[in-house]
Every structure is written in structure tokens, then in C-alpha cells.
Protein backbone atom coordinates (compact mmCIF):
# COMPACT_ATOMS: atom_id res chain seq x y z
CA MET A 1 114.99 94.10 94.97
CA ILE A 2 115.16 93.40 98.33
CA LEU A 3 112.88 95.38 99.87
CA MET A 4 114.04 97.52 103.17
CA GLU A 5 111.06 97.18 106.90
CA THR A 6 108.56 98.69 107.29
CA LEU A 7 108.26 102.25 107.72
CA TYR A 8 108.17 103.65 111.22
CA ILE A 9 107.32 107.20 110.93
CA THR A 10 107.68 109.66 113.46
CA HIS A 11 109.11 113.23 114.66
CA PRO A 12 109.45 115.03 117.40
CA ALA A 13 107.44 117.72 116.80
CA CYS A 14 104.73 115.63 117.50
CA ARG A 15 105.51 115.34 121.05
CA LEU A 16 105.56 118.71 121.90
CA HIS A 17 102.17 119.30 120.57
CA ASP A 18 100.83 119.64 123.75
CA MET A 19 97.06 120.32 124.64
CA GLY A 20 96.74 120.53 128.67
CA LYS A 21 97.67 118.15 131.28
CA TRP A 22 94.44 116.90 131.64
CA HIS A 23 93.55 116.46 127.80
CA PRO A 24 93.70 112.48 127.01
CA GLU A 25 95.73 113.13 123.44
CA CYS A 26 98.66 113.80 124.93
CA PRO A 27 102.45 113.20 123.86
CA SER A 28 102.88 110.07 126.43
CA ARG A 29 100.34 108.28 123.93
CA LEU A 30 103.30 108.12 121.64
CA ASP A 31 105.91 107.02 124.50
CA ALA A 32 103.97 104.26 125.01
CA ILE A 33 103.46 102.76 121.80
CA ASN A 34 107.80 103.53 121.24
CA ASP A 35 107.87 101.41 124.32
CA GLN A 36 106.12 98.59 123.72
CA LEU A 37 107.46 97.87 120.55
CA VAL A 38 111.06 98.11 121.66
CA ALA A 39 109.57 95.42 124.90
CA ASN A 40 108.15 93.41 121.97
CA GLY A 41 111.14 93.39 120.03
CA LEU A 42 110.18 94.59 116.80
CA MET A 43 112.19 97.46 116.66
CA PRO A 44 115.00 95.48 114.47
CA PHE A 45 111.88 94.92 112.15
CA LEU A 46 111.46 98.63 110.98
CA ARG A 47 112.49 101.15 109.84
CA GLU A 48 112.55 104.70 111.77
CA THR A 49 112.60 108.05 109.96
CA GLU A 50 111.84 111.53 110.66
CA ALA A 51 108.45 113.03 108.79
CA VAL A 52 108.67 115.35 106.40
CA ARG A 53 107.26 118.95 105.99
CA ALA A 54 104.46 118.91 104.37
CA SER A 55 103.66 121.95 102.31
CA PRO A 56 100.82 124.47 101.98
CA GLU A 57 99.85 123.07 98.70
CA ASP A 58 99.34 119.34 100.24
CA ILE A 59 97.14 121.29 102.61
CA LEU A 60 95.63 122.96 100.30
CA ARG A 61 94.83 119.56 98.40
CA VAL A 62 92.30 118.62 101.28
CA HIS A 63 91.18 121.91 102.79
CA THR A 64 90.10 125.46 102.30
CA PRO A 65 92.84 128.24 101.99
CA GLU A 66 90.70 129.66 105.10
CA HIS A 67 90.69 126.89 107.03
CA LEU A 68 94.71 126.99 106.75
CA GLN A 69 94.65 130.76 107.47
CA TYR A 70 93.17 130.07 110.62
CA LEU A 71 95.37 127.85 111.42
CA LEU A 72 97.81 129.92 111.04
CA ASP A 73 96.64 133.15 111.92
CA HIS A 74 95.82 131.31 115.94
CA ALA A 75 98.96 129.51 116.34
CA PRO A 76 99.79 131.21 120.26
CA GLU A 77 103.36 132.07 120.29
CA SER A 78 102.48 130.76 124.32
CA GLY A 79 100.28 129.93 126.24
CA HIS A 80 97.36 127.97 124.65
CA PHE A 81 94.32 129.41 121.58
CA SER A 82 90.62 126.81 122.28
CA VAL A 83 89.48 126.60 118.95
CA ASP A 84 87.02 124.18 120.72
CA PRO A 85 87.06 123.05 124.40
CA ASP A 86 88.42 119.68 123.03
CA THR A 87 90.94 120.95 120.73
CA ILE A 88 93.74 123.51 121.60
CA MET A 89 96.38 125.31 119.77
CA GLY A 90 100.35 125.30 121.96
CA PRO A 91 103.51 127.30 121.05
CA HIS A 92 104.28 123.23 119.32
CA THR A 93 100.99 123.00 117.24
CA LEU A 94 101.71 123.96 113.73
CA GLU A 95 105.14 122.44 113.76
CA ALA A 96 103.97 118.91 114.58
CA MET A 97 100.73 119.58 112.37
CA TRP A 98 103.19 120.38 109.18
CA HIS A 99 104.42 117.26 109.83
CA ALA A 100 102.00 114.75 111.03
CA ALA A 101 100.43 115.81 107.55
CA GLY A 102 103.73 115.12 106.28
CA SER A 103 104.85 111.87 107.10
CA GLY A 104 102.41 110.38 104.49
CA ILE A 105 103.52 112.23 102.28
CA ALA A 106 107.41 110.86 102.97
CA ALA A 107 105.66 107.14 102.71
CA VAL A 108 103.71 107.02 99.39
CA ASP A 109 107.04 108.05 97.94
CA ALA A 110 108.11 105.34 99.92
CA VAL A 111 105.65 102.84 98.74
CA MET A 112 104.95 104.09 95.34
CA GLN A 113 108.76 104.20 94.43
CA GLY A 114 109.40 100.45 96.06
CA HIS A 115 111.56 101.07 98.94
CA THR A 116 109.40 99.43 101.02
CA HIS A 117 105.36 97.89 100.86
CA THR A 118 103.86 99.26 104.25
CA ALA A 119 104.03 101.98 106.64
CA PHE A 120 102.97 103.44 109.98
CA CYS A 121 103.11 106.77 110.72
CA ALA A 122 103.39 107.18 114.36
CA VAL A 123 102.10 111.07 114.48
CA ARG A 124 99.65 113.24 116.35
CA PRO A 125 98.23 116.03 116.33
CA PRO A 126 95.37 112.91 114.53
CA GLY A 127 93.17 113.87 111.66
CA HIS A 128 90.05 112.13 110.71
CA HIS A 129 87.91 114.91 112.34
CA ALA A 130 89.53 117.66 109.96
CA THR A 131 86.88 118.81 107.56
CA ARG A 132 87.83 120.40 104.38
CA ASN A 133 86.77 123.48 106.63
CA LYS A 134 86.87 123.05 110.29
CA VAL A 135 89.52 122.02 113.39
CA MET A 136 87.58 119.59 115.36
CA GLY A 137 87.96 116.49 117.58
CA PHE A 138 91.23 116.69 118.74
CA CYS A 139 92.52 117.23 114.63
CA PHE A 140 93.26 120.19 113.21
CA VAL A 141 94.28 118.83 109.21
CA ASN A 142 93.08 115.10 108.09
CA ASN A 143 96.19 113.53 107.73
CA VAL A 144 94.88 110.72 105.78
CA ALA A 145 93.20 112.75 103.18
CA VAL A 146 96.33 114.66 102.59
CA ALA A 147 98.50 111.49 101.67
CA ALA A 148 95.27 109.50 99.98
CA ALA A 149 95.22 113.70 98.03
CA TYR A 150 98.73 113.75 97.49
CA ALA A 151 99.27 109.74 96.00
CA LEU A 152 96.25 110.19 93.33
CA GLU A 153 98.02 113.69 91.51
CA HIS A 154 101.54 112.67 91.67
CA TYR A 155 101.41 109.14 90.98
CA GLY A 156 98.87 108.81 88.76
CA LEU A 157 96.45 106.32 90.66
CA GLU A 158 93.27 105.72 89.80
CA ARG A 159 91.75 103.60 93.14
CA VAL A 160 92.93 104.68 96.63
CA ALA A 161 90.90 102.32 99.74
CA ILE A 162 90.58 104.23 103.26
CA ILE A 163 90.08 102.07 105.74
CA ASP A 164 88.43 103.66 109.28
CA PHE A 165 88.66 101.60 112.36
CA ASP A 166 88.28 104.51 114.97
CA VAL A 167 85.83 104.34 117.70
CA HIS A 168 84.81 107.90 116.65
CA HIS A 169 83.18 108.22 112.91
CA GLY A 170 86.72 109.30 110.59
CA ASN A 171 83.61 112.38 109.65
CA GLY A 172 86.16 114.21 108.25
CA THR A 173 87.89 112.12 105.74
CA GLU A 174 83.64 111.47 104.69
CA ASP A 175 83.41 115.26 103.88
CA ILE A 176 86.56 115.16 102.26
CA PHE A 177 86.39 112.28 99.59
CA ALA A 178 82.51 112.22 99.76
CA GLY A 179 81.52 111.45 96.29
CA ASN A 180 85.02 110.79 94.92
CA GLY A 181 84.82 107.25 92.65
CA ARG A 182 88.32 107.74 92.72
CA VAL A 183 88.45 107.19 96.46
CA LEU A 184 86.49 103.70 98.97
CA MET A 185 86.38 104.44 102.30
CA CYS A 186 85.39 101.92 104.65
CA SER A 187 84.52 102.59 108.23
CA PHE A 188 83.23 100.82 111.63
CA PHE A 189 82.86 103.26 114.32
CA GLN A 190 80.05 103.30 117.82
CA THR A 191 76.78 105.22 117.29
CA GLY A 192 76.14 108.43 119.66
CA ILE A 193 79.40 109.27 120.42
CA PHE A 194 81.13 111.86 118.76
CA PRO A 195 80.70 113.20 116.27
CA GLY A 196 77.26 112.11 115.97
CA SER A 197 77.35 111.90 112.21
CA GLU A 198 76.09 108.49 111.99
CA HIS A 199 72.65 109.07 110.35
CA GLU A 200 73.94 111.42 107.68
CA HIS A 201 73.11 109.43 104.26
CA PRO A 202 76.76 108.82 103.03
CA ALA A 203 77.85 108.64 99.45
CA GLU A 204 78.04 105.32 97.07
CA ASN A 205 81.94 105.48 97.91
CA MET A 206 81.59 105.27 101.56
CA MET A 207 81.23 102.23 103.57
CA ASN A 208 79.52 103.36 106.57
CA ILE A 209 79.12 100.96 109.73
CA PRO A 210 78.03 101.93 112.77
CA VAL A 211 77.58 99.73 115.06
CA GLU A 212 75.79 99.68 119.30
CA PRO A 213 77.56 99.79 121.72
CA TYR A 214 79.48 96.88 123.98
CA THR A 215 79.78 95.02 120.67
CA LYS A 216 82.68 92.57 120.73
CA GLY A 217 85.30 92.02 118.45
CA ASP A 218 83.52 88.54 116.88
CA GLU A 219 80.63 90.80 115.78
CA LEU A 220 83.28 93.18 114.50
CA ARG A 221 85.16 90.34 112.47
CA MET A 222 82.09 89.05 111.10
CA LEU A 223 80.87 92.83 109.17
CA VAL A 224 84.53 92.93 108.36
CA ALA A 225 84.50 90.07 106.43
CA ASP A 226 80.88 89.55 105.57
CA LEU A 227 81.21 93.94 104.54
CA TRP A 228 84.02 95.49 104.00
CA VAL A 229 86.62 92.80 102.57
CA PRO A 230 83.76 92.06 99.46
CA ARG A 231 83.46 95.64 98.71
CA LEU A 232 87.50 96.23 98.81
CA LEU A 233 88.31 93.28 96.67
CA ALA A 234 85.59 94.50 94.50
CA PHE A 235 87.04 98.35 94.51
CA ARG A 236 90.55 96.91 93.87
CA PRO A 237 92.30 99.77 95.85
CA GLU A 238 95.85 100.33 94.25
CA LEU A 239 97.41 101.65 97.11
CA VAL A 240 95.86 101.56 101.04
CA PHE A 241 95.65 104.06 104.03
CA VAL A 242 94.27 103.15 107.53
CA SER A 243 92.61 105.10 110.22
CA ALA A 244 94.40 102.75 112.91
CA GLY A 245 91.91 104.18 116.04
CA PHE A 246 92.44 102.03 118.85
CA ASP A 247 89.31 103.64 120.94
CA GLY A 248 87.37 101.40 120.80
CA HIS A 249 89.71 99.05 122.69
CA ARG A 250 88.23 97.62 125.83
CA GLU A 251 90.33 99.33 128.70
CA ASP A 252 89.66 103.02 126.47
CA ASP A 253 87.31 104.28 127.97
CA MET A 254 86.29 107.18 125.36
CA GLY A 255 83.97 104.13 124.04
CA GLN A 256 81.85 101.22 124.35
CA LEU A 257 83.23 98.94 122.24
CA GLY A 258 84.67 94.91 123.33
CA LEU A 259 87.82 94.88 121.04
CA VAL A 260 91.35 93.91 122.43
CA GLU A 261 94.88 93.70 120.70
CA ALA A 262 94.17 89.92 118.82
CA ASP A 263 91.33 91.94 117.15
CA TYR A 264 92.82 94.74 115.87
CA GLY A 265 95.60 92.07 114.53
CA TRP A 266 93.15 90.54 112.61
CA ILE A 267 91.47 93.91 111.43
CA THR A 268 94.95 94.46 109.51
CA ASP A 269 95.68 90.85 108.61
CA GLN A 270 92.35 91.28 106.54
CA ILE A 271 93.31 94.46 105.10
CA MET A 272 96.70 93.24 104.10
CA GLY A 273 94.94 90.64 102.10
CA VAL A 274 93.41 93.06 100.30
CA ALA A 275 96.35 94.54 99.59
CA ARG A 276 98.27 91.86 98.73
CA GLU A 277 95.53 90.59 96.13
CA THR A 278 95.32 94.80 94.35
CA ALA A 279 97.74 97.01 95.67
CA SER A 280 100.84 94.61 95.42
CA GLY A 281 100.91 95.00 99.85
CA ARG A 282 101.29 98.46 100.23
CA VAL A 283 99.64 100.03 102.93
CA ILE A 284 99.79 102.81 104.79
CA SER A 285 98.47 103.40 108.48
CA PHE A 286 98.07 106.35 110.23
CA LEU A 287 97.46 106.79 114.10
CA GLU A 288 94.39 108.49 115.15
CA GLY A 289 93.06 107.61 119.17
CA GLY A 290 93.40 105.30 121.53
CA TYR A 291 93.99 107.17 124.39
CA SER A 292 94.17 104.09 127.40
CA LEU A 293 97.79 104.04 127.17
CA SER A 294 98.66 100.70 128.18
CA ALA A 295 95.96 99.39 125.48
CA LEU A 296 97.06 101.53 123.32
CA GLY A 297 100.55 100.40 123.47
CA ARG A 298 99.94 96.71 122.91
CA SER A 299 97.34 97.22 120.57
CA VAL A 300 100.07 98.71 118.03
CA VAL A 301 101.96 96.22 118.74
CA ALA A 302 99.46 93.64 116.89
CA HIS A 303 98.90 96.51 114.45
CA VAL A 304 102.50 96.50 113.36
CA ARG A 305 103.28 93.04 113.09
CA SER A 306 100.59 92.32 111.15
CA LEU A 307 101.76 95.49 108.96
CA ALA A 308 105.57 94.21 109.08
CA ALA A 309 104.80 90.26 108.61
CA LEU A 310 105.67 88.98 111.22
């Protein structure tokens, strides 16, 4: 079988979700990514496709009915509704949310049916802070959790891994899957910043690596090689998901880590190595954080270049 290019999944609705001109989680993030992929000549190696719309059933595998109903009840027809000071719904938020969650459904179907090995979901709003029953941290629905739960149910998988390299702890994903032996989550994140959950005792299927501010790429590479990779290889996931946050870049004011584009490429190379060993090379990545537009675009280029084996 000839495999098509790495999938690049997005949707116009994801650009319409707008929490205010002052907000760092802005539509320009997707434009910055697309511009850098074009400028670096990667688009011919990607197959761009629109995200499908997730169903309520897809959302309810990982969120409570009350959580979904809250979103449906509070979505404004005009203006904005502030769930909290940082997480705001506008007239287009619901449609963006349905398609951001649906991007993972489309990606899982594509990789599990053998049409491609890898996918990058360039969608917003992000998802990894959304817990089973709470909106927070710019996140309304947990996109990576929706996709992982769908893969486990629809394709009968026994083991999936979720890798989160955002500067912030993916507390929502942990809340949803803690104690689930079919899911291994590996993450690193900066201590002392949102959401302040680094001191919680994680479940056995969670490998959390809190790191201090100003930790640089070489130190994080060592932690990934020494801790993540052996644990992942021992777990032998059949499908690998990535919560790809690029706000650990040294140019991003959301945190104080010292990563650069080459570090994101190297980390993705390690993920791809595990996936080739245990998961037939199947990796699905979701955009999470990353708010310095130039650094975000350059970092996604490094990430996607590794996903596409270029």
C-alpha cells in the first residue's frame, strides 16, 4: 500500500473562534503556522484536510453531560461570555470546539485504516486543560482525550500513549485518564505556573516530570531519553498521541523554559522512534499552546518535519 502524506487537519471555524483582541490564544496562531509551513516548503509533503464535526457521543466519552450542557447553554449568539477571566466564549466558539475535537476523530480513522501514518491537527481552541467537568486554561473540550477514547473504543486498542510537552501541565488529560491502565501519559512542564497541579500525586499510568524555570533543551532531552523513552517502550503503545504545546520556547512569555526549534524536532524524533517500534509509526499530534507567533511557526515546522520524516 502506498501511504499518503502526513495529514494536516484544520477547519475554517477554528480561525473564527476569538476571545478578544487582547487574548494570546488568537486566530493568528493558525496563520503563523500555515505561513511557516508554506515558507519552508513543507506543504507538498502534507495532505491538508478539513476536520469533521465531533458528535455529542464523542464528547461524552470523556466529559460529563453537565459539562457539555454548560457549553451549549452559555454560548453567546453575539458578544462574549467569560467562563473565567482567561477562557471566553464567542459566537463561533462552539463550532470551532466541535471541529477541533472532530479533527482527532478524522485522524484516528485515517491512521487506523492505513491511509497515513501521522497527522498534525492545527486546531483551536486547545484542549489539554479541560477536565472531565470543567472549562479552564483557554480549553473547552479535551481534543486529545476525545481522540484517544474514540481510538480505544472503535478500534479495540489495548494501549495508547499520550505525550504532552506543553510548558503547562496537561491537568485535564490527567483528570480524564488517571488510573486507566490502557493509557500511559508522559509529560514535562514548568513548575510554579498555571494550573499549579505539579504537586499532586499522579496515578501509576502518569509520568509527570515537573521542571524548574529556565530549564534548557539539553536538560529536557536527557529527561526524555532517560525517563520517557524507556517507559514508553515498556508500555508498547499501539497508537501515540501528542499534546504539542510550543510555549516552552525561549521566546514565549507564557513560561520560562529554554527550548528552541531543534529541541522540538529532537523530541518528536524520539516519539517517532517509539511509534515505529511499537505502533507501526502511528502518531497523531494536536496543537496546544504556543503564543509567540514566530517561534510557534518555526517550532511547528520542526515538529511536522519530523512527523513527515523529512
